[in-house]
Amino acid sequence: MPELLSQISDFVQGLAAGPIKQPKAIIVPRENCLPAESSGIEIVKDKCYLTLTVNQLFLSEARKWWTDYQPMVVFSASFVQGGSTITLPTVVGPSLLAQPGTKLPQGLLLNNIEVAGPIPYRGGNLTISVLLYRVQHTNHARDLLKVVEGVSKAIGPAADLGMITKVGGALMDGVGSLLALGDTVPIMGQRFTMSPVGPGGMRTFYAGLMAPGSDATADELSVDHGKLKTGIGADAQEFRDDDYVLYSLSAALRRTDESTLPFYPLFQRAKQDAFRGGEENWKTAKATFAEVWQQMIVSPDLIPEQAEELFADWKKQLLAEKAKGEEMGMLSTNAEAVALPSPRAITAASVLDM
């Protein structure tokens, strides 16, 4: 596992160090970003979750691009998780860009696709790479790009270490094969590192990656709910002068996808046992819930405060299921059948009585 993570990191670093034109990279001033407080917020260790989002991809000659080429954006984020520094690569290509029936009179827009996160910030540096390629329209390039996108989607933005282990190597191989075809041309790219002890520290931001030669400046740009504009306030217009990638790093105090966490099925099983009623089933439910807590408190997916909050909330739910089951048992015409323990509960309870 550590060897694969190191290989992925080296591979992404090699991409960023390759023959890619250096664009103009602009951090949009926080006072120019709406809604208020969407940028420039301090990121504190073990207090929030980070999400990296590609807000817009704009191509000034979108029709020509779509006729001759397919765009491919490779994102990566390197961060501390589970006691290790991991690199999460993501490929955004035509399957996410193409919108059937959508007309593209002035450009191709991609809106608000999360490429990494929610990731608990565990301290240390955060390194982000953004690379834009054009892939020529050929059958083999198109088919290979579809495969690469599919593998990237399998990893997902939430940095499942198990999934990275399974398919991370395949993603590297696919991107490497695409680049080796000769039909894939780098357009622009950027790689930078944020540090809690560096200038500016760790803060949320909106950043624009502009095509080389762009005349845009930070002071004249603004962001309105994920859309890049030129000008400030009511007179601002959508920015359409150059090719660009607008992306952002945001921070949230809590994640809302608890049902996707690996120990959630255990919690559901504990509630089922609690509802069944009877001493043996309740012993089993408590034992299972104790295991949930042990996994929750050391989980790389949760910050400590939310782990404590979830435990308290889930404990209430568990007791509520027990009370509900007892009430149903009293109303049942066959109360003993309701409380009948399962073979699994009997075995688990006997272990607890050792």
Protein backbone atom coordinates (compact mmCIF):
# COMPACT_ATOMS: atom_id res chain seq x y z
CA MET A 1 0.00 0.00 0.00
CA PRO A 2 2.66 2.63 0.92
CA GLU A 3 4.55 1.70 -2.24
CA LEU A 4 1.51 2.31 -4.45
CA LEU A 5 0.78 5.66 -2.76
CA SER A 6 4.38 6.68 -3.39
CA GLN A 7 4.11 5.59 -7.04
CA ILE A 8 0.94 7.65 -7.54
CA SER A 9 2.60 10.69 -5.95
CA ASP A 10 5.69 10.33 -8.15
CA PHE A 11 3.54 9.86 -11.25
CA VAL A 12 1.52 13.03 -10.61
CA GLN A 13 4.68 15.00 -9.87
CA GLY A 14 6.09 13.80 -13.19
CA LEU A 15 2.99 15.04 -15.01
CA ALA A 16 3.25 18.48 -13.41
CA ALA A 17 6.95 18.69 -14.20
CA GLY A 18 6.41 17.74 -17.85
CA PRO A 19 6.33 19.98 -20.94
CA ILE A 20 3.26 21.97 -19.93
CA LYS A 21 2.98 25.66 -20.62
CA GLN A 22 2.97 27.79 -17.51
CA PRO A 23 -0.33 29.68 -17.34
CA LYS A 24 -1.24 32.74 -15.34
CA ALA A 25 -2.43 31.57 -11.93
CA ILE A 26 -4.66 34.01 -10.06
CA ILE A 27 -6.09 33.81 -6.56
CA VAL A 28 -9.30 35.84 -6.59
CA PRO A 29 -9.33 38.27 -3.61
CA ARG A 30 -11.67 37.12 -0.85
CA GLU A 31 -13.53 40.44 -0.88
CA ASN A 32 -14.39 39.79 -4.55
CA CYS A 33 -16.02 36.41 -3.84
CA LEU A 34 -19.70 35.71 -3.24
CA PRO A 35 -21.24 34.48 -1.09
CA ALA A 36 -19.37 36.25 1.67
CA GLU A 37 -17.03 34.03 3.68
CA SER A 38 -16.74 31.56 0.79
CA SER A 39 -13.03 32.37 0.48
CA GLY A 40 -10.17 33.30 2.79
CA ILE A 41 -11.38 31.28 5.78
CA GLU A 42 -8.65 29.80 7.98
CA ILE A 43 -8.28 26.02 7.83
CA VAL A 44 -7.56 24.54 11.28
CA LYS A 45 -6.19 21.07 11.96
CA ASP A 46 -8.79 18.49 13.04
CA LYS A 47 -11.56 21.10 12.91
CA CYS A 48 -12.92 20.89 9.35
CA TYR A 49 -13.26 18.94 6.11
CA LEU A 50 -11.70 20.09 2.85
CA THR A 51 -13.27 19.83 -0.60
CA LEU A 52 -11.54 20.61 -3.89
CA THR A 53 -14.00 21.57 -6.62
CA VAL A 54 -13.57 22.40 -10.30
CA ASN A 55 -16.14 25.16 -10.62
CA GLN A 56 -15.74 25.99 -14.31
CA LEU A 57 -13.80 24.95 -17.37
CA PHE A 58 -14.17 27.56 -20.08
CA LEU A 59 -12.77 27.15 -23.58
CA SER A 60 -12.90 30.31 -25.67
CA GLU A 61 -13.07 28.30 -28.91
CA ALA A 62 -15.28 25.54 -27.63
CA ARG A 63 -16.73 24.56 -30.99
CA LYS A 64 -13.29 23.98 -32.45
CA TRP A 65 -12.27 22.04 -29.36
CA TRP A 66 -15.32 19.84 -29.52
CA THR A 67 -14.86 19.20 -33.24
CA ASP A 68 -11.16 18.31 -33.19
CA TYR A 69 -10.35 17.52 -29.57
CA GLN A 70 -11.72 16.34 -26.27
CA PRO A 71 -10.64 18.19 -23.13
CA MET A 72 -9.15 16.27 -20.20
CA VAL A 73 -8.36 17.84 -16.84
CA VAL A 74 -6.18 15.93 -14.38
CA PHE A 75 -6.50 17.07 -10.78
CA SER A 76 -4.59 15.74 -7.81
CA ALA A 77 -4.46 16.56 -4.13
CA SER A 78 -1.76 15.33 -1.72
CA PHE A 79 -2.61 15.43 1.98
CA VAL A 80 -2.24 13.62 5.29
CA GLN A 81 -4.81 10.90 5.95
CA GLY A 82 -4.68 7.83 8.15
CA GLY A 83 -1.16 8.62 9.29
CA SER A 84 0.21 8.74 5.74
CA THR A 85 0.52 11.31 2.98
CA ILE A 86 -1.59 10.16 0.06
CA THR A 87 -2.16 11.55 -3.42
CA LEU A 88 -5.69 11.40 -4.80
CA PRO A 89 -5.78 11.71 -8.62
CA THR A 90 -8.95 12.58 -10.53
CA VAL A 91 -9.61 12.75 -14.28
CA VAL A 92 -12.39 14.97 -15.61
CA GLY A 93 -13.18 14.31 -19.25
CA PRO A 94 -15.93 14.39 -21.89
CA SER A 95 -18.43 12.21 -20.02
CA LEU A 96 -18.72 14.95 -17.38
CA LEU A 97 -18.35 17.82 -19.82
CA ALA A 98 -20.82 16.76 -22.49
CA GLN A 99 -24.40 17.79 -21.83
CA PRO A 100 -26.74 16.32 -24.47
CA GLY A 101 -28.78 19.01 -26.18
CA THR A 102 -26.76 21.87 -24.73
CA LYS A 103 -25.76 24.59 -27.18
CA LEU A 104 -22.30 26.07 -26.87
CA PRO A 105 -22.47 29.47 -28.57
CA GLN A 106 -19.53 31.00 -26.73
CA GLY A 107 -17.76 28.34 -24.74
CA LEU A 108 -17.85 25.05 -22.97
CA LEU A 109 -18.74 25.30 -19.31
CA LEU A 110 -18.32 22.75 -16.59
CA ASN A 111 -19.94 23.54 -13.29
CA ASN A 112 -19.10 22.51 -9.75
CA ILE A 113 -17.68 19.00 -9.91
CA GLU A 114 -16.06 17.83 -6.68
CA VAL A 115 -12.72 16.18 -7.38
CA ALA A 116 -11.55 15.61 -3.79
CA GLY A 117 -13.35 15.58 -0.47
CA PRO A 118 -14.75 15.79 2.05
CA ILE A 119 -11.30 15.16 3.56
CA PRO A 120 -10.58 15.76 7.26
CA TYR A 121 -7.67 18.18 7.52
CA ARG A 122 -5.10 16.45 9.71
CA GLY A 123 -2.44 19.13 9.49
CA GLY A 124 0.64 19.37 7.33
CA ASN A 125 0.93 20.51 3.75
CA LEU A 126 -1.65 20.32 0.98
CA THR A 127 -0.34 20.05 -2.58
CA ILE A 128 -2.67 20.62 -5.53
CA SER A 129 -2.01 19.95 -9.22
CA VAL A 130 -4.22 21.09 -12.10
CA LEU A 131 -3.40 20.04 -15.65
CA LEU A 132 -5.43 20.67 -18.83
CA TYR A 133 -4.88 18.49 -21.91
CA ARG A 134 -6.51 18.21 -25.29
CA VAL A 135 -7.07 14.71 -26.61
CA GLN A 136 -7.42 14.39 -30.37
CA HIS A 137 -10.59 12.78 -31.71
CA THR A 138 -9.47 9.28 -32.62
CA ASN A 139 -11.26 6.04 -31.84
CA HIS A 140 -8.49 4.61 -29.68
CA ALA A 141 -7.96 7.86 -27.74
CA ARG A 142 -11.69 8.32 -27.18
CA ASP A 143 -12.18 4.75 -25.96
CA LEU A 144 -9.16 4.87 -23.69
CA LEU A 145 -10.28 8.18 -22.19
CA LYS A 146 -13.66 6.63 -21.35
CA VAL A 147 -11.88 3.84 -19.51
CA VAL A 148 -9.67 6.31 -17.62
CA GLU A 149 -12.70 8.37 -16.57
CA GLY A 150 -14.48 5.24 -15.38
CA VAL A 151 -11.52 4.23 -13.22
CA SER A 152 -11.31 7.76 -11.80
CA LYS A 153 -15.00 7.68 -10.89
CA ALA A 154 -14.48 4.36 -9.12
CA ILE A 155 -11.95 6.00 -6.79
CA GLY A 156 -14.32 8.87 -6.07
CA PRO A 157 -13.58 12.20 -4.40
CA ALA A 158 -13.65 11.01 -0.80
CA ALA A 159 -10.23 9.32 -0.85
CA ASP A 160 -11.20 5.74 -0.02
CA LEU A 161 -7.79 4.19 0.62
CA GLY A 162 -9.07 0.72 -0.18
CA MET A 163 -10.36 1.82 -3.57
CA ILE A 164 -7.13 3.68 -4.35
CA THR A 165 -5.27 0.45 -3.60
CA LYS A 166 -7.49 -1.49 -6.00
CA VAL A 167 -7.59 0.84 -8.99
CA GLY A 168 -5.00 3.58 -8.44
CA GLY A 169 -2.42 1.69 -10.49
CA ALA A 170 -4.90 1.20 -13.33
CA LEU A 171 -5.62 4.94 -13.38
CA MET A 172 -1.90 5.73 -13.66
CA ASP A 173 -1.49 3.20 -16.46
CA GLY A 174 -4.47 4.63 -18.34
CA VAL A 175 -3.33 8.24 -18.15
CA GLY A 176 0.21 7.19 -19.06
CA SER A 177 -1.08 5.33 -22.11
CA LEU A 178 -3.13 8.35 -23.20
CA LEU A 179 -0.11 10.62 -22.99
CA ALA A 180 1.99 8.13 -24.93
CA LEU A 181 -0.41 8.05 -27.89
CA GLY A 182 0.89 11.34 -29.23
CA ASP A 183 -2.69 12.53 -29.66
CA THR A 184 -2.75 14.14 -26.20
CA VAL A 185 -1.29 17.65 -25.97
CA PRO A 186 -0.70 19.53 -22.69
CA ILE A 187 -2.26 23.00 -22.70
CA MET A 188 -1.51 24.40 -19.27
CA GLY A 189 -0.85 23.27 -15.75
CA GLN A 190 0.02 24.30 -12.24
CA ARG A 191 1.30 22.62 -9.09
CA PHE A 192 1.58 24.38 -5.74
CA THR A 193 1.80 23.58 -2.05
CA MET A 194 -0.02 25.22 0.85
CA SER A 195 1.54 25.05 4.31
CA PRO A 196 0.17 25.99 7.74
CA VAL A 197 3.52 27.67 8.48
CA GLY A 198 3.97 29.28 5.06
CA PRO A 199 2.94 32.75 3.85
CA GLY A 200 -0.80 33.17 4.27
CA GLY A 201 -1.15 29.85 6.08
CA MET A 202 -3.98 27.49 5.19
CA ARG A 203 -7.07 29.27 3.88
CA THR A 204 -9.93 28.53 1.52
CA PHE A 205 -9.75 30.13 -1.92
CA TYR A 206 -10.98 30.51 -5.47
CA ALA A 207 -8.23 30.25 -8.08
CA GLY A 208 -8.24 30.87 -11.82
CA LEU A 209 -5.81 29.06 -14.10
CA MET A 210 -5.64 31.27 -17.20
CA ALA A 211 -4.21 30.45 -20.60
CA PRO A 212 -0.63 31.67 -21.16
CA GLY A 213 -0.66 35.27 -22.36
CA SER A 214 -3.87 36.23 -20.57
CA ASP A 215 -4.18 39.90 -19.59
CA ALA A 216 -6.48 39.18 -16.64
CA THR A 217 -5.47 40.49 -13.21
CA ALA A 218 -6.66 39.51 -9.75
CA ASP A 219 -8.10 42.93 -8.92
CA GLU A 220 -10.45 42.94 -11.91
CA LEU A 221 -11.81 39.42 -11.38
CA SER A 222 -14.59 38.27 -9.09
CA VAL A 223 -16.46 35.04 -8.32
CA ASP A 224 -20.22 34.92 -7.92
CA HIS A 225 -21.41 31.57 -6.57
CA GLY A 226 -18.80 29.58 -8.46
CA LYS A 227 -18.79 31.63 -11.67
CA LEU A 228 -15.78 33.69 -12.73
CA LYS A 229 -16.56 37.26 -13.73
CA THR A 230 -14.71 40.35 -14.85
CA GLY A 231 -15.57 43.42 -12.85
CA ILE A 232 -17.01 43.79 -9.37
CA GLY A 233 -20.60 44.01 -8.18
CA ALA A 234 -23.71 44.53 -10.29
CA ASP A 235 -21.77 45.46 -13.43
CA ALA A 236 -19.67 42.27 -13.45
CA GLN A 237 -19.85 40.12 -16.60
CA GLU A 238 -18.95 36.49 -17.08
CA PHE A 239 -15.28 36.16 -18.00
CA ARG A 240 -14.95 34.88 -21.58
CA ASP A 241 -11.69 36.34 -22.86
CA ASP A 242 -9.42 33.31 -22.39
CA ASP A 243 -9.40 29.60 -21.75
CA TYR A 244 -9.45 29.01 -18.01
CA VAL A 245 -10.09 26.58 -15.20
CA LEU A 246 -11.74 28.02 -12.10
CA TYR A 247 -11.36 25.82 -9.04
CA SER A 248 -11.80 26.24 -5.31
CA LEU A 249 -10.83 24.83 -1.95
CA SER A 250 -13.63 24.99 0.60
CA ALA A 251 -13.90 23.94 4.24
CA ALA A 252 -16.93 22.59 6.11
CA LEU A 253 -17.27 22.07 9.84
CA ARG A 254 -19.25 18.86 9.40
CA ARG A 255 -19.72 16.20 6.76
CA THR A 256 -23.26 15.09 5.96
CA ASP A 257 -22.64 11.73 4.30
CA GLU A 258 -22.39 9.58 7.44
CA SER A 259 -24.21 6.72 5.72
CA THR A 260 -21.22 6.23 3.40
CA LEU A 261 -18.77 5.67 6.26
CA PRO A 262 -17.45 2.09 6.56
CA PHE A 263 -18.83 1.48 10.07
CA TYR A 264 -22.37 2.68 9.28
CA PRO A 265 -23.66 -0.85 8.43
CA LEU A 266 -22.56 -1.97 11.91
CA PHE A 267 -24.66 0.79 13.43
CA GLN A 268 -27.66 -0.31 11.37
CA ARG A 269 -27.17 -3.88 12.59
CA ALA A 270 -27.00 -2.70 16.21
CA LYS A 271 -30.32 -0.87 15.78
CA GLN A 272 -31.93 -3.97 14.31
CA ASP A 273 -30.81 -6.07 17.28
CA ALA A 274 -31.99 -3.41 19.74
CA PHE A 275 -35.43 -3.37 18.12
CA ARG A 276 -35.81 -7.15 18.32
CA GLY A 277 -36.06 -6.94 22.10
CA GLY A 278 -34.92 -9.37 24.73
CA GLU A 279 -31.78 -9.40 26.88
CA GLU A 280 -29.67 -11.43 24.45
CA ASN A 281 -30.44 -9.16 21.51
CA TRP A 282 -29.74 -6.07 23.64
CA LYS A 283 -26.37 -7.47 24.69
CA THR A 284 -25.53 -8.05 21.06
CA ALA A 285 -26.65 -4.55 20.08
CA LYS A 286 -24.46 -3.01 22.80
CA ALA A 287 -21.46 -5.09 21.76
CA THR A 288 -21.88 -4.08 18.13
CA PHE A 289 -22.30 -0.43 19.08
CA ALA A 290 -19.12 -0.60 21.15
CA GLU A 291 -17.30 -1.76 18.02
CA VAL A 292 -18.88 1.12 16.09
CA TRP A 293 -17.43 3.56 18.60
CA GLN A 294 -13.98 2.01 18.46
CA GLN A 295 -13.95 2.31 14.68
CA MET A 296 -15.47 5.80 14.76
CA ILE A 297 -12.95 7.34 17.16
CA VAL A 298 -9.93 6.19 15.13
CA SER A 299 -11.52 6.72 11.72
CA PRO A 300 -9.47 8.79 9.23
CA ASP A 301 -12.80 9.98 7.81
CA LEU A 302 -14.02 11.95 10.86
CA ILE A 303 -12.69 14.87 12.85
CA PRO A 304 -12.77 14.25 16.64
CA GLU A 305 -15.64 16.64 17.40
CA GLN A 306 -17.97 15.07 14.86
CA ALA A 307 -17.05 11.58 16.06
CA GLU A 308 -18.20 12.58 19.57
CA GLU A 309 -21.37 14.16 18.19
CA LEU A 310 -22.20 11.15 16.05
CA PHE A 311 -21.68 8.79 18.96
CA ALA A 312 -24.09 10.78 21.16
CA ASP A 313 -26.70 11.00 18.39
CA TRP A 314 -26.42 7.33 17.41
CA LYS A 315 -26.63 6.29 21.08
CA LYS A 316 -29.97 8.11 21.32
CA GLN A 317 -31.16 6.36 18.17
CA LEU A 318 -30.09 2.98 19.55
CA LEU A 319 -32.02 3.54 22.81
CA ALA A 320 -35.01 4.76 20.82
CA GLU A 321 -35.00 1.56 18.76
CA LYS A 322 -34.86 -0.49 21.98
CA ALA A 323 -37.83 1.40 23.41
CA LYS A 324 -39.73 1.08 20.14
CA GLY A 325 -39.09 -2.66 20.06
CA GLU A 326 -40.28 -3.10 23.65
CA GLU A 327 -43.44 -1.15 22.87
CA MET A 328 -44.12 -3.27 19.81
CA GLY A 329 -43.53 -6.38 21.89
CA MET A 330 -46.13 -5.31 24.42
CA LEU A 331 -48.65 -4.73 21.64
CA SER A 332 -47.90 -8.01 19.92
CA THR A 333 -50.12 -11.02 20.41
CA ASN A 334 -47.00 -13.15 20.38
CA ALA A 335 -44.55 -11.17 22.51
CA GLU A 336 -42.16 -14.06 23.04
CA ALA A 337 -41.66 -14.45 19.28
CA VAL A 338 -40.72 -10.80 19.01
CA ALA A 339 -38.05 -11.19 21.69
CA LEU A 340 -36.67 -14.47 20.34
CA PRO A 341 -32.90 -14.01 19.93
CA SER A 342 -31.19 -14.96 16.70
CA PRO A 343 -28.41 -17.61 16.72
CA ARG A 344 -25.93 -14.77 16.09
CA ALA A 345 -27.23 -12.87 19.13
CA ILE A 346 -27.03 -15.98 21.33
CA THR A 347 -23.42 -16.61 20.32
CA ALA A 348 -22.43 -12.95 20.75
CA ALA A 349 -24.06 -12.76 24.17
CA SER A 350 -22.32 -15.94 25.30
CA VAL A 351 -18.97 -14.45 24.34
CA LEU A 352 -19.77 -11.35 26.43
CA ASP A 353 -20.57 -13.60 29.41
CA MET A 354 -17.19 -15.39 29.28
